Amino acid sequence: MSKKPNIAIVPKNGGTTLVKRTLTLGNHSAELYADSRTNPPLYHYIVTHKDSADIIAWGQTSSAAEAERGALDFIHGLNGQVSKAG
């Protein structure tokens, strides 16, 4: 007998309950989203070059603090690569 995976279900009539926050550091931006339509809520981050739609990195976590930390760690890593190359 196989076990069913624990999957967060988004109701079809749940409406939009995304909350967005943007962080900018150097030449990079991170958009942080909280999606409370799921139980438990999910937190997403998307890292881009400032003023660009090209996604450099993204992730999903179970807390807002983890999403912010993941985005900032990635940006700090990118900025460290730039300063070593320059």
Protein backbone atom coordinates (compact mmCIF):
# COMPACT_ATOMS: atom_id res chain seq x y z
CA MET A 1 0.00 0.00 0.00
CA SER A 2 1.51 3.30 -1.03
CA LYS A 3 1.39 6.39 1.12
CA LYS A 4 -0.13 9.56 -0.35
CA PRO A 5 2.24 12.54 -0.34
CA ASN A 6 1.39 15.54 1.84
CA ILE A 7 0.44 18.15 -0.79
CA ALA A 8 -0.82 21.66 -0.03
CA ILE A 9 -4.21 22.13 -1.70
CA VAL A 10 -5.24 25.52 -3.10
CA PRO A 11 -9.03 25.90 -3.22
CA LYS A 12 -10.41 26.87 -6.64
CA ASN A 13 -12.50 29.68 -5.15
CA GLY A 14 -9.77 30.81 -2.76
CA GLY A 15 -9.24 34.18 -4.41
CA THR A 16 -5.92 35.94 -4.44
CA THR A 17 -4.22 36.27 -1.08
CA LEU A 18 -0.65 36.80 -2.20
CA VAL A 19 1.36 39.41 -0.32
CA LYS A 20 4.39 40.84 -2.13
CA ARG A 21 7.48 42.56 -0.75
CA THR A 22 10.53 43.67 -2.75
CA LEU A 23 14.11 43.90 -1.48
CA THR A 24 16.87 45.59 -3.49
CA LEU A 25 20.56 45.05 -2.81
CA GLY A 26 23.18 46.33 -5.23
CA ASN A 27 22.20 45.39 -8.80
CA HIS A 28 19.76 42.68 -7.71
CA SER A 29 16.16 42.54 -6.51
CA ALA A 30 14.27 39.88 -4.62
CA GLU A 31 10.50 39.62 -4.70
CA LEU A 32 9.06 37.84 -1.68
CA TYR A 33 5.56 36.41 -1.80
CA ALA A 34 3.41 34.97 0.98
CA ASP A 35 0.65 32.67 -0.21
CA SER A 36 -1.86 32.07 2.56
CA ARG A 37 -4.26 30.19 0.26
CA THR A 38 -2.49 26.99 1.27
CA ASN A 39 -2.43 25.37 4.66
CA PRO A 40 0.25 25.79 5.88
CA PRO A 41 1.10 29.06 4.07
CA LEU A 42 3.94 28.98 1.52
CA TYR A 43 6.61 31.65 1.06
CA HIS A 44 8.32 32.20 -2.28
CA TYR A 45 11.26 34.30 -3.43
CA ILE A 46 12.40 35.31 -6.91
CA VAL A 47 15.82 36.89 -7.49
CA THR A 48 16.41 39.05 -10.59
CA HIS A 49 18.83 41.66 -11.88
CA LYS A 50 17.40 45.07 -11.00
CA ASP A 51 14.97 46.27 -13.71
CA SER A 52 15.01 42.91 -15.52
CA ALA A 53 12.43 40.16 -15.83
CA ASP A 54 15.11 37.44 -16.16
CA ILE A 55 14.95 35.14 -13.13
CA ILE A 56 18.33 34.24 -11.62
CA ALA A 57 17.01 32.12 -8.73
CA TRP A 58 13.79 31.17 -7.00
CA GLY A 59 12.74 29.14 -4.03
CA GLN A 60 9.86 28.15 -1.78
CA THR A 61 9.99 27.77 1.99
CA SER A 62 7.71 27.29 4.97
CA SER A 63 8.47 30.65 6.61
CA ALA A 64 8.87 34.30 5.59
CA ALA A 65 12.22 34.51 7.39
CA GLU A 66 13.58 31.50 5.47
CA ALA A 67 12.43 33.00 2.15
CA GLU A 68 14.10 36.33 2.91
CA ARG A 69 17.29 34.61 4.10
CA GLY A 70 17.40 32.39 0.99
CA ALA A 71 17.04 35.37 -1.34
CA LEU A 72 19.58 37.50 0.52
CA ASP A 73 22.11 34.65 0.76
CA PHE A 74 21.87 34.14 -3.00
CA ILE A 75 22.27 37.87 -3.70
CA HIS A 76 25.24 38.13 -1.33
CA GLY A 77 26.81 35.18 -3.18
CA LEU A 78 26.32 36.94 -6.52
CA ASN A 79 27.74 40.20 -5.19
CA GLY A 80 30.76 38.31 -3.82
CA GLN A 81 31.42 36.77 -7.26
CA VAL A 82 31.23 40.22 -8.88
CA SER A 83 33.69 41.78 -6.41
CA LYS A 84 36.17 38.89 -6.87
CA ALA A 85 35.99 39.25 -10.66
CA GLY A 86 36.29 43.05 -10.58
